[in-house]
Amino acid sequence: MSHSNEYYRQQKENAISFNPTTGEIITEELSGDEALLNATKKQVLRLLKSHDFVLINGVYEAKRDGLIKILSSLPISYQWQLEKSELKDNYAHVEGTLHVKVGELERQSSGLGICELKELKGTGGLHFMMARAETRALKRAIEVLFGSVINYYVRHHLLAA
């Protein structure tokens, strides 16, 4: 084999390939649990709809309902564990960890949420402030675990439209 043919063979072997459906980078043949995770991410992509997002300051953000739909509609197990919560007269601060299990593959992500009393309109009180802070923390944890699929959906379905 000539030097240039060997070079091109190595380039082909080292090339990054990706799944055109999910945008995931494929680095090697998928084992059972990784294949299951990939199938789960494809299901997430099919679950998401344009109404699951809102445009805020020029950036698409996934809404809470869309993200909760991901957790409740997939064949995964998950646990949301509060690590720290703080409630003051003018703000609430919540930190938590989301554990997601697909087959034997387990992933986790932490999230932090803060809500200030001045954000709440009307009769919102301490309960609503704490609930919004926890929702924000959970939302951030979900976005980290499923971010590649969420970003792919935004790029190929919302921005492309």
C-alpha atoms as a PDB file:
ATOM      1  CA  MET A   1       0.000   0.000   0.000  1.00  0.00           C
ATOM      2  CA  SER A   2       1.406   3.384  -0.908  1.00  0.00           C
ATOM      3  CA  HIS A   3       2.065   6.054   1.664  1.00  0.00           C
ATOM      4  CA  SER A   4      -0.858   8.237   0.524  1.00  0.00           C
ATOM      5  CA  ASN A   5      -3.297   5.292   0.524  1.00  0.00           C
ATOM      6  CA  GLU A   6      -2.224   4.428   4.073  1.00  0.00           C
ATOM      7  CA  TYR A   7      -2.733   8.059   5.102  1.00  0.00           C
ATOM      8  CA  TYR A   8      -6.301   8.126   3.723  1.00  0.00           C
ATOM      9  CA  ARG A   9      -7.115   4.770   5.332  1.00  0.00           C
ATOM     10  CA  GLN A  10      -6.015   6.138   8.728  1.00  0.00           C
ATOM     11  CA  GLN A  11      -8.011   9.326   8.201  1.00  0.00           C
ATOM     12  CA  LYS A  12     -11.109   7.277   7.421  1.00  0.00           C
ATOM     13  CA  GLU A  13     -10.616   5.135  10.534  1.00  0.00           C
ATOM     14  CA  ASN A  14     -10.099   8.220  12.736  1.00  0.00           C
ATOM     15  CA  ALA A  15     -12.953  10.241  11.231  1.00  0.00           C
ATOM     16  CA  ILE A  16     -15.698  11.274  13.570  1.00  0.00           C
ATOM     17  CA  SER A  17     -19.019   9.830  12.572  1.00  0.00           C
ATOM     18  CA  PHE A  18     -22.349  10.912  13.981  1.00  0.00           C
ATOM     19  CA  ASN A  19     -25.924   9.769  14.019  1.00  0.00           C
ATOM     20  CA  PRO A  20     -27.828  12.057  11.616  1.00  0.00           C
ATOM     21  CA  THR A  21     -31.082  11.463  13.513  1.00  0.00           C
ATOM     22  CA  THR A  22     -29.917  12.515  16.986  1.00  0.00           C
ATOM     23  CA  GLY A  23     -26.658  14.383  16.337  1.00  0.00           C
ATOM     24  CA  GLU A  24     -24.824  12.036  18.720  1.00  0.00           C
ATOM     25  CA  ILE A  25     -21.147  11.415  18.005  1.00  0.00           C
ATOM     26  CA  ILE A  26     -20.495   7.714  17.459  1.00  0.00           C
ATOM     27  CA  THR A  27     -17.028   6.707  18.646  1.00  0.00           C
ATOM     28  CA  GLU A  28     -17.327   2.913  18.491  1.00  0.00           C
ATOM     29  CA  GLU A  29     -19.814   0.111  18.110  1.00  0.00           C
ATOM     30  CA  LEU A  30     -22.518   0.521  20.747  1.00  0.00           C
ATOM     31  CA  SER A  31     -22.868  -2.112  23.454  1.00  0.00           C
ATOM     32  CA  GLY A  32     -26.276  -3.162  24.790  1.00  0.00           C
ATOM     33  CA  ASP A  33     -26.749  -0.337  27.302  1.00  0.00           C
ATOM     34  CA  GLU A  34     -25.295   2.361  25.040  1.00  0.00           C
ATOM     35  CA  ALA A  35     -27.587   1.164  22.230  1.00  0.00           C
ATOM     36  CA  LEU A  36     -30.509   1.363  24.677  1.00  0.00           C
ATOM     37  CA  LEU A  37     -29.469   4.908  25.656  1.00  0.00           C
ATOM     38  CA  ASN A  38     -29.252   5.871  21.977  1.00  0.00           C
ATOM     39  CA  ALA A  39     -32.727   4.418  21.361  1.00  0.00           C
ATOM     40  CA  THR A  40     -34.010   6.375  24.369  1.00  0.00           C
ATOM     41  CA  LYS A  41     -32.566   9.606  22.972  1.00  0.00           C
ATOM     42  CA  LYS A  42     -34.324   8.929  19.663  1.00  0.00           C
ATOM     43  CA  GLN A  43     -37.572   8.573  21.612  1.00  0.00           C
ATOM     44  CA  VAL A  44     -36.869  11.945  23.272  1.00  0.00           C
ATOM     45  CA  LEU A  45     -36.439  13.496  19.842  1.00  0.00           C
ATOM     46  CA  ARG A  46     -39.826  12.114  18.760  1.00  0.00           C
ATOM     47  CA  LEU A  47     -41.487  13.352  21.979  1.00  0.00           C
ATOM     48  CA  LEU A  48     -40.363  16.970  21.642  1.00  0.00           C
ATOM     49  CA  LYS A  49     -42.656  19.439  19.900  1.00  0.00           C
ATOM     50  CA  SER A  50     -42.235  23.112  19.111  1.00  0.00           C
ATOM     51  CA  HIS A  51     -44.679  24.063  21.894  1.00  0.00           C
ATOM     52  CA  ASP A  52     -42.237  22.492  24.407  1.00  0.00           C
ATOM     53  CA  PHE A  53     -39.954  25.502  23.876  1.00  0.00           C
ATOM     54  CA  VAL A  54     -40.147  29.227  24.445  1.00  0.00           C
ATOM     55  CA  LEU A  55     -38.009  31.938  22.861  1.00  0.00           C
ATOM     56  CA  ILE A  56     -36.416  34.105  25.586  1.00  0.00           C
ATOM     57  CA  ASN A  57     -34.006  36.884  24.603  1.00  0.00           C
ATOM     58  CA  GLY A  58     -33.318  35.207  21.255  1.00  0.00           C
ATOM     59  CA  VAL A  59     -32.566  31.779  22.770  1.00  0.00           C
ATOM     60  CA  TYR A  60     -34.884  28.770  22.744  1.00  0.00           C
ATOM     61  CA  GLU A  61     -35.438  27.371  26.237  1.00  0.00           C
ATOM     62  CA  ALA A  62     -37.145  24.074  26.927  1.00  0.00           C
ATOM     63  CA  LYS A  63     -40.295  24.520  29.009  1.00  0.00           C
ATOM     64  CA  ARG A  64     -40.794  22.595  32.229  1.00  0.00           C
ATOM     65  CA  ASP A  65     -43.691  20.557  30.810  1.00  0.00           C
ATOM     66  CA  GLY A  66     -41.600  19.374  27.865  1.00  0.00           C
ATOM     67  CA  LEU A  67     -38.760  18.315  30.127  1.00  0.00           C
ATOM     68  CA  ILE A  68     -41.052  16.517  32.566  1.00  0.00           C
ATOM     69  CA  LYS A  69     -42.577  14.753  29.538  1.00  0.00           C
ATOM     70  CA  ILE A  70     -39.101  13.342  28.841  1.00  0.00           C
ATOM     71  CA  LEU A  71     -38.826  11.828  32.318  1.00  0.00           C
ATOM     72  CA  SER A  72     -42.381  10.505  32.508  1.00  0.00           C
ATOM     73  CA  SER A  73     -42.800   9.142  28.967  1.00  0.00           C
ATOM     74  CA  LEU A  74     -39.646   7.067  28.543  1.00  0.00           C
ATOM     75  CA  PRO A  75     -38.675   3.579  29.700  1.00  0.00           C
ATOM     76  CA  ILE A  76     -36.156   4.960  32.185  1.00  0.00           C
ATOM     77  CA  SER A  77     -35.988   5.108  35.935  1.00  0.00           C
ATOM     78  CA  TYR A  78     -35.050   8.316  37.670  1.00  0.00           C
ATOM     79  CA  GLN A  79     -34.684   9.825  41.107  1.00  0.00           C
ATOM     80  CA  TRP A  80     -34.670  13.531  41.957  1.00  0.00           C
ATOM     81  CA  GLN A  81     -32.818  14.108  45.206  1.00  0.00           C
ATOM     82  CA  LEU A  82     -32.722  17.484  46.947  1.00  0.00           C
ATOM     83  CA  GLU A  83     -29.224  18.218  48.227  1.00  0.00           C
ATOM     84  CA  LYS A  84     -29.755  21.690  49.675  1.00  0.00           C
ATOM     85  CA  SER A  85     -32.645  24.077  50.046  1.00  0.00           C
ATOM     86  CA  GLU A  86     -32.737  27.519  51.564  1.00  0.00           C
ATOM     87  CA  LEU A  87     -35.764  29.739  52.007  1.00  0.00           C
ATOM     88  CA  LYS A  88     -35.420  33.386  52.992  1.00  0.00           C
ATOM     89  CA  ASP A  89     -37.942  36.220  53.023  1.00  0.00           C
ATOM     90  CA  ASN A  90     -36.885  37.433  49.575  1.00  0.00           C
ATOM     91  CA  TYR A  91     -35.476  34.361  47.779  1.00  0.00           C
ATOM     92  CA  ALA A  92     -35.390  30.570  47.604  1.00  0.00           C
ATOM     93  CA  HIS A  93     -32.333  28.524  46.634  1.00  0.00           C
ATOM     94  CA  VAL A  94     -32.514  24.801  45.752  1.00  0.00           C
ATOM     95  CA  GLU A  95     -29.816  22.346  44.676  1.00  0.00           C
ATOM     96  CA  GLY A  96     -30.562  18.788  43.628  1.00  0.00           C
ATOM     97  CA  THR A  97     -29.218  15.783  41.764  1.00  0.00           C
ATOM     98  CA  LEU A  98     -31.089  13.864  39.100  1.00  0.00           C
ATOM     99  CA  HIS A  99     -30.155  10.187  38.713  1.00  0.00           C
ATOM    100  CA  VAL A 100     -31.307   8.519  35.478  1.00  0.00           C
ATOM    101  CA  LYS A 101     -30.941   4.823  34.739  1.00  0.00           C
ATOM    102  CA  VAL A 102     -31.332   3.213  31.306  1.00  0.00           C
ATOM    103  CA  GLY A 103     -30.698  -0.519  31.511  1.00  0.00           C
ATOM    104  CA  GLU A 104     -27.582  -0.832  33.651  1.00  0.00           C
ATOM    105  CA  LEU A 105     -26.232   2.527  32.464  1.00  0.00           C
ATOM    106  CA  GLU A 106     -26.596   5.231  35.110  1.00  0.00           C
ATOM    107  CA  ARG A 107     -26.035   8.956  34.646  1.00  0.00           C
ATOM    108  CA  GLN A 108     -26.489  11.866  37.016  1.00  0.00           C
ATOM    109  CA  SER A 109     -26.521  15.622  36.884  1.00  0.00           C
ATOM    110  CA  SER A 110     -26.837  18.392  39.431  1.00  0.00           C
ATOM    111  CA  GLY A 111     -29.017  21.428  39.098  1.00  0.00           C
ATOM    112  CA  LEU A 112     -29.307  24.733  40.935  1.00  0.00           C
ATOM    113  CA  GLY A 113     -32.365  26.958  41.014  1.00  0.00           C
ATOM    114  CA  ILE A 114     -32.998  30.357  42.545  1.00  0.00           C
ATOM    115  CA  CYS A 115     -36.194  32.375  42.654  1.00  0.00           C
ATOM    116  CA  GLU A 116     -36.560  35.865  44.078  1.00  0.00           C
ATOM    117  CA  LEU A 117     -39.794  37.044  45.643  1.00  0.00           C
ATOM    118  CA  LYS A 118     -39.878  40.078  43.328  1.00  0.00           C
ATOM    119  CA  GLU A 119     -40.230  37.686  40.322  1.00  0.00           C
ATOM    120  CA  LEU A 120     -43.605  36.448  41.521  1.00  0.00           C
ATOM    121  CA  LYS A 121     -46.698  38.283  40.411  1.00  0.00           C
ATOM    122  CA  GLY A 122     -49.902  38.614  42.380  1.00  0.00           C
ATOM    123  CA  THR A 123     -50.293  36.566  45.519  1.00  0.00           C
ATOM    124  CA  GLY A 124     -47.192  34.397  45.055  1.00  0.00           C
ATOM    125  CA  GLY A 125     -45.650  33.584  48.390  1.00  0.00           C
ATOM    126  CA  LEU A 126     -42.966  31.416  49.929  1.00  0.00           C
ATOM    127  CA  HIS A 127     -44.460  28.178  48.572  1.00  0.00           C
ATOM    128  CA  PHE A 128     -44.426  29.423  44.971  1.00  0.00           C
ATOM    129  CA  MET A 129     -40.940  30.846  45.393  1.00  0.00           C
ATOM    130  CA  MET A 130     -39.602  27.496  46.652  1.00  0.00           C
ATOM    131  CA  ALA A 131     -41.488  25.514  43.991  1.00  0.00           C
ATOM    132  CA  ARG A 132     -40.108  27.701  41.187  1.00  0.00           C
ATOM    133  CA  ALA A 133     -36.547  27.371  42.518  1.00  0.00           C
ATOM    134  CA  GLU A 134     -36.884  23.575  42.654  1.00  0.00           C
ATOM    135  CA  THR A 135     -38.401  23.468  39.159  1.00  0.00           C
ATOM    136  CA  ARG A 136     -35.463  25.483  37.820  1.00  0.00           C
ATOM    137  CA  ALA A 137     -32.965  23.151  39.476  1.00  0.00           C
ATOM    138  CA  LEU A 138     -34.659  20.057  38.038  1.00  0.00           C
ATOM    139  CA  LYS A 139     -34.947  21.680  34.609  1.00  0.00           C
ATOM    140  CA  ARG A 140     -31.215  22.384  34.531  1.00  0.00           C
ATOM    141  CA  ALA A 141     -30.360  18.820  35.533  1.00  0.00           C
ATOM    142  CA  ILE A 142     -32.611  17.402  32.786  1.00  0.00           C
ATOM    143  CA  GLU A 143     -31.096  19.784  30.229  1.00  0.00           C
ATOM    144  CA  VAL A 144     -27.609  18.516  31.068  1.00  0.00           C
ATOM    145  CA  LEU A 145     -28.550  14.834  30.767  1.00  0.00           C
ATOM    146  CA  PHE A 146     -30.568  15.252  27.575  1.00  0.00           C
ATOM    147  CA  GLY A 147     -28.883  18.400  26.248  1.00  0.00           C
ATOM    148  CA  SER A 148     -27.494  16.850  23.077  1.00  0.00           C
ATOM    149  CA  VAL A 149     -30.979  15.815  21.959  1.00  0.00           C
ATOM    150  CA  ILE A 150     -32.556  19.113  23.034  1.00  0.00           C
ATOM    151  CA  ASN A 151     -29.879  21.113  21.190  1.00  0.00           C
ATOM    152  CA  TYR A 152     -30.266  18.928  18.099  1.00  0.00           C
ATOM    153  CA  TYR A 153     -34.036  19.523  18.126  1.00  0.00           C
ATOM    154  CA  VAL A 154     -33.583  23.287  18.466  1.00  0.00           C
ATOM    155  CA  ARG A 155     -31.016  23.455  15.638  1.00  0.00           C
ATOM    156  CA  HIS A 156     -32.845  21.192  13.192  1.00  0.00           C
ATOM    157  CA  HIS A 157     -36.515  21.859  13.948  1.00  0.00           C
ATOM    158  CA  LEU A 158     -36.844  25.325  15.476  1.00  0.00           C
ATOM    159  CA  LEU A 159     -33.976  27.332  13.990  1.00  0.00           C
ATOM    160  CA  ALA A 160     -34.301  25.630  10.606  1.00  0.00           C
ATOM    161  CA  ALA A 161     -38.013  26.561  10.369  1.00  0.00           C
END
